[in-house]
Protein backbone atom coordinates (compact mmCIF):
# COMPACT_ATOMS: atom_id res chain seq x y z
CA UNK A 1 -120.35 -236.16 69.01
CA UNK A 2 -119.26 -235.50 65.21
CA UNK A 3 -122.28 -236.73 63.86
CA UNK A 4 -124.11 -235.07 66.62
CA UNK A 5 -122.56 -231.46 65.46
CA UNK A 6 -123.24 -232.36 61.98
CA UNK A 7 -126.95 -232.97 62.40
CA UNK A 8 -127.28 -229.18 63.91
CA UNK A 9 -125.62 -228.09 60.67
CA UNK A 10 -128.00 -230.17 58.74
CA UNK A 11 -131.19 -228.38 60.48
CA UNK A 12 -131.56 -224.55 60.49
CA UNK A 13 -130.59 -222.68 63.25
CA UNK A 14 -130.63 -219.24 64.54
CA UNK A 15 -127.17 -217.29 63.99
CA UNK A 16 -126.09 -217.76 67.87
CA UNK A 17 -126.71 -221.44 67.63
CA UNK A 18 -124.80 -221.69 64.28
CA UNK A 19 -121.79 -219.83 66.08
CA UNK A 20 -121.94 -222.22 68.65
CA UNK A 21 -121.89 -225.18 66.61
CA UNK A 22 -118.99 -224.10 64.68
CA UNK A 23 -117.01 -223.12 67.73
CA UNK A 24 -117.94 -226.93 68.92
CA UNK A 25 -116.49 -228.43 65.77
CA UNK A 26 -113.28 -225.89 65.87
CA UNK A 27 -112.92 -227.07 69.51
CA UNK A 28 -113.31 -230.53 68.49
CA UNK A 29 -110.74 -230.48 65.16
CA UNK A 30 -108.55 -228.72 67.30
CA UNK A 31 -108.55 -231.28 70.37
CA UNK A 32 -109.36 -234.90 67.88
CA UNK A 33 -107.84 -233.68 64.41
CA UNK A 34 -107.02 -237.92 64.04
CA UNK A 35 -110.40 -238.32 64.10
CA UNK A 36 -111.05 -236.02 60.80
CA UNK A 37 -107.71 -236.53 59.20
CA UNK A 38 -106.69 -239.85 59.70
CA UNK A 39 -109.92 -241.50 60.64
CA UNK A 40 -112.95 -242.47 58.27
CA UNK A 41 -113.07 -240.58 55.27
CA UNK A 42 -116.94 -239.82 55.62
CA UNK A 43 -116.34 -237.58 58.65
CA UNK A 44 -114.21 -234.96 56.44
CA UNK A 45 -116.62 -235.78 53.53
CA UNK A 46 -119.84 -234.96 55.61
CA UNK A 47 -118.38 -231.67 57.03
CA UNK A 48 -117.11 -230.22 53.54
CA UNK A 49 -120.65 -231.04 52.23
CA UNK A 50 -122.49 -229.29 55.07
CA UNK A 51 -120.00 -226.37 54.71
CA UNK A 52 -120.71 -226.37 50.77
CA UNK A 53 -124.55 -226.56 51.50
CA UNK A 54 -124.18 -223.60 54.01
CA UNK A 55 -122.41 -221.61 51.61
CA UNK A 56 -124.23 -222.21 48.80
CA UNK A 57 -127.46 -221.34 50.84
CA UNK A 58 -126.06 -218.03 52.07
CA UNK A 59 -124.97 -217.88 48.03
CA UNK A 60 -128.49 -218.25 47.23
CA UNK A 61 -129.73 -216.00 49.87
CA UNK A 62 -127.56 -212.91 48.40
CA UNK A 63 -128.68 -214.07 44.86
CA UNK A 64 -132.24 -213.50 46.18
CA UNK A 65 -131.59 -210.19 47.86
CA UNK A 66 -129.78 -209.06 44.42
CA UNK A 67 -132.70 -210.16 42.23
CA UNK A 68 -134.97 -208.15 44.80
CA UNK A 69 -132.91 -205.02 44.42
CA UNK A 70 -132.54 -205.49 40.34
CA UNK A 71 -136.29 -205.57 40.70
CA UNK A 72 -137.06 -202.75 42.76
CA UNK A 73 -134.47 -200.86 40.27
CA UNK A 74 -136.12 -201.99 37.10
CA UNK A 75 -139.88 -200.85 38.97
CA UNK A 76 -138.12 -197.36 39.59
CA UNK A 77 -136.61 -197.37 35.78
CA UNK A 78 -140.22 -198.17 34.32
CA UNK A 79 -141.50 -195.13 36.49
CA UNK A 80 -138.85 -192.73 35.71
CA UNK A 81 -139.69 -193.70 31.63
CA UNK A 82 -143.45 -193.25 32.58
CA UNK A 83 -142.38 -189.62 34.04
CA UNK A 84 -140.11 -188.95 31.09
CA UNK A 85 -143.18 -189.91 28.23
CA UNK A 86 -145.57 -187.69 30.65
CA UNK A 87 -142.53 -184.90 30.58
CA UNK A 88 -142.49 -185.04 26.58
CA UNK A 89 -146.04 -185.03 26.35
CA UNK A 90 -146.04 -181.34 28.17
CA UNK A 91 -143.25 -180.48 25.82
CA UNK A 92 -145.23 -181.20 22.75
CA UNK A 93 -148.53 -179.82 24.32
CA UNK A 94 -146.12 -176.63 24.78
CA UNK A 95 -144.96 -176.62 21.16
CA UNK A 96 -148.12 -176.62 20.04
CA UNK A 97 -149.40 -173.85 22.38
CA UNK A 98 -146.35 -171.69 20.67
CA UNK A 99 -146.94 -172.57 17.07
CA UNK A 100 -150.58 -171.50 17.83
CA UNK A 101 -149.21 -168.43 19.35
CA UNK A 102 -146.83 -167.46 16.58
CA UNK A 103 -149.87 -167.93 13.96
CA UNK A 104 -152.09 -165.51 15.69
CA UNK A 105 -148.88 -163.11 15.58
CA UNK A 106 -148.30 -163.94 12.04
CA UNK A 107 -152.26 -163.25 11.73
CA UNK A 108 -152.05 -160.20 13.77
CA UNK A 109 -149.23 -158.46 12.09
CA UNK A 110 -151.07 -159.30 8.58
CA UNK A 111 -154.38 -157.59 9.95
CA UNK A 112 -151.84 -154.45 11.11
CA UNK A 113 -150.27 -154.33 7.66
CA UNK A 114 -153.69 -154.44 5.75
CA UNK A 115 -154.44 -151.32 8.23
CA UNK A 116 -151.46 -149.60 7.92
CA UNK A 117 -150.85 -149.94 4.12
CA UNK A 118 -153.06 -147.09 3.47
CA UNK A 119 -151.17 -144.58 5.72
CA UNK A 120 -147.83 -146.12 4.10
CA UNK A 121 -149.29 -145.67 0.53
CA UNK A 122 -150.37 -142.15 1.69
CA UNK A 123 -147.24 -141.29 2.79
CA UNK A 124 -145.50 -142.41 -0.02
CA UNK A 125 -147.54 -140.17 -2.05
CA UNK A 126 -147.14 -137.02 -0.15
CA UNK A 127 -143.22 -137.69 -0.80
CA UNK A 128 -143.89 -137.60 -4.22
CA UNK A 129 -145.72 -134.50 -4.26
CA UNK A 130 -143.01 -133.13 -2.51
CA UNK A 131 -140.60 -134.17 -4.77
CA UNK A 132 -142.50 -132.67 -7.68
CA UNK A 133 -142.52 -129.19 -5.78
CA UNK A 134 -138.70 -129.34 -4.86
CA UNK A 135 -137.91 -129.79 -8.84
CA UNK A 136 -140.65 -127.35 -9.58
CA UNK A 137 -138.83 -125.01 -6.75
CA UNK A 138 -135.57 -125.23 -8.82
CA UNK A 139 -136.79 -124.61 -11.88
CA UNK A 140 -139.61 -122.23 -11.53
CA UNK A 141 -140.59 -120.72 -7.76
CA UNK A 142 -143.96 -119.69 -9.15
CA UNK A 143 -145.06 -122.74 -10.83
CA UNK A 144 -143.89 -124.24 -7.83
CA UNK A 145 -146.17 -121.85 -5.57
CA UNK A 146 -148.76 -122.58 -7.40
CA UNK A 147 -148.44 -126.12 -7.27
CA UNK A 148 -147.95 -126.34 -3.44
CA UNK A 149 -151.28 -123.81 -3.56
CA UNK A 150 -153.16 -125.92 -5.61
CA UNK A 151 -152.15 -129.34 -3.63
CA UNK A 152 -153.10 -127.58 -0.46
CA UNK A 153 -156.69 -126.64 -1.24
CA UNK A 154 -157.49 -129.45 -3.80
CA UNK A 155 -159.06 -132.66 -2.32
CA UNK A 156 -157.39 -135.35 -4.86
CA UNK A 157 -158.23 -138.89 -5.43
CA UNK A 158 -155.96 -141.75 -4.30
CA UNK A 159 -156.01 -145.33 -5.66
CA UNK A 160 -157.24 -147.99 -3.31
CA UNK A 161 -156.18 -151.30 -2.63
CA UNK A 162 -153.24 -152.42 -0.83
CA UNK A 163 -151.74 -148.77 -0.55
CA UNK A 164 -152.48 -145.45 -2.19
CA UNK A 165 -149.61 -145.68 -4.92
CA UNK A 166 -150.26 -142.39 -6.85
CA UNK A 167 -152.06 -139.54 -7.51
CA UNK A 168 -155.46 -139.88 -9.48
CA UNK A 169 -155.72 -136.22 -11.48
CA UNK A 170 -158.61 -137.68 -13.45
CA UNK A 171 -162.11 -136.26 -12.57
CA UNK A 172 -160.49 -133.07 -10.82
CA UNK A 173 -160.55 -129.38 -11.12
CA UNK A 174 -156.67 -129.30 -10.81
CA UNK A 175 -155.81 -129.34 -15.05
CA UNK A 176 -158.04 -126.37 -14.85
CA UNK A 177 -156.72 -124.58 -11.59
CA UNK A 178 -153.52 -124.94 -12.96
CA UNK A 179 -154.23 -123.36 -16.41
CA UNK A 180 -155.90 -120.51 -14.61
CA UNK A 181 -153.07 -120.03 -12.22
CA UNK A 182 -150.61 -119.86 -15.04
CA UNK A 183 -152.53 -117.33 -16.67
CA UNK A 184 -152.86 -114.85 -13.72
CA UNK A 185 -149.30 -115.65 -13.38
CA UNK A 186 -148.30 -114.70 -16.94
CA UNK A 187 -150.83 -111.53 -16.22
CA UNK A 188 -149.35 -110.57 -13.35
CA UNK A 189 -145.52 -110.87 -15.06
CA UNK A 190 -146.59 -108.68 -18.04
CA UNK A 191 -148.03 -105.97 -16.28
CA UNK A 192 -145.21 -106.29 -13.92
CA UNK A 193 -142.41 -105.88 -16.68
CA UNK A 194 -144.55 -102.76 -18.30
CA UNK A 195 -144.66 -101.22 -15.26
CA UNK A 196 -140.98 -101.65 -15.36
CA UNK A 197 -140.77 -100.05 -18.96
CA UNK A 198 -142.76 -96.97 -18.37
CA UNK A 199 -140.80 -96.04 -15.47
């Protein structure tokens, strides 16, 4: 009987059959402990061997399942690294596009600076002219008025390039007009003084 039960352990059985075999072994050992513990040592050795083999087979099955899970995990990690690599590629392309956009903005700002350079130069020249007018107004109001009059009715040439830096008085009628206007003002002042004396 014991050999028959051991042979059931040696042949792969279903889970239900194995439950019945172990129940029969437990019942046999409980009823006839002398046959196992005081009888032939081969019975105990066979039982221990089969139990160890079953335990090892279960352990090997568990190890196989664990290796399968590890393999699936490695596959998932590989897919994750692939996704991360694609993400870094997209980020690199995005940074390249941002760099190109910044270069385009820099070129646009340079073009705007070139376009409006002459305007800033003209504003600086106008500021300079009104500064001169203010100084003349503080020293001699008549000269200041003459300067303002000539400045409004004359067309002055400005230096080109990156901006208008200063008034270019050469090749204009400004000096002669200033001289004529000064003479007229001087004549008017002399006539006014003579009229006061005669009164």
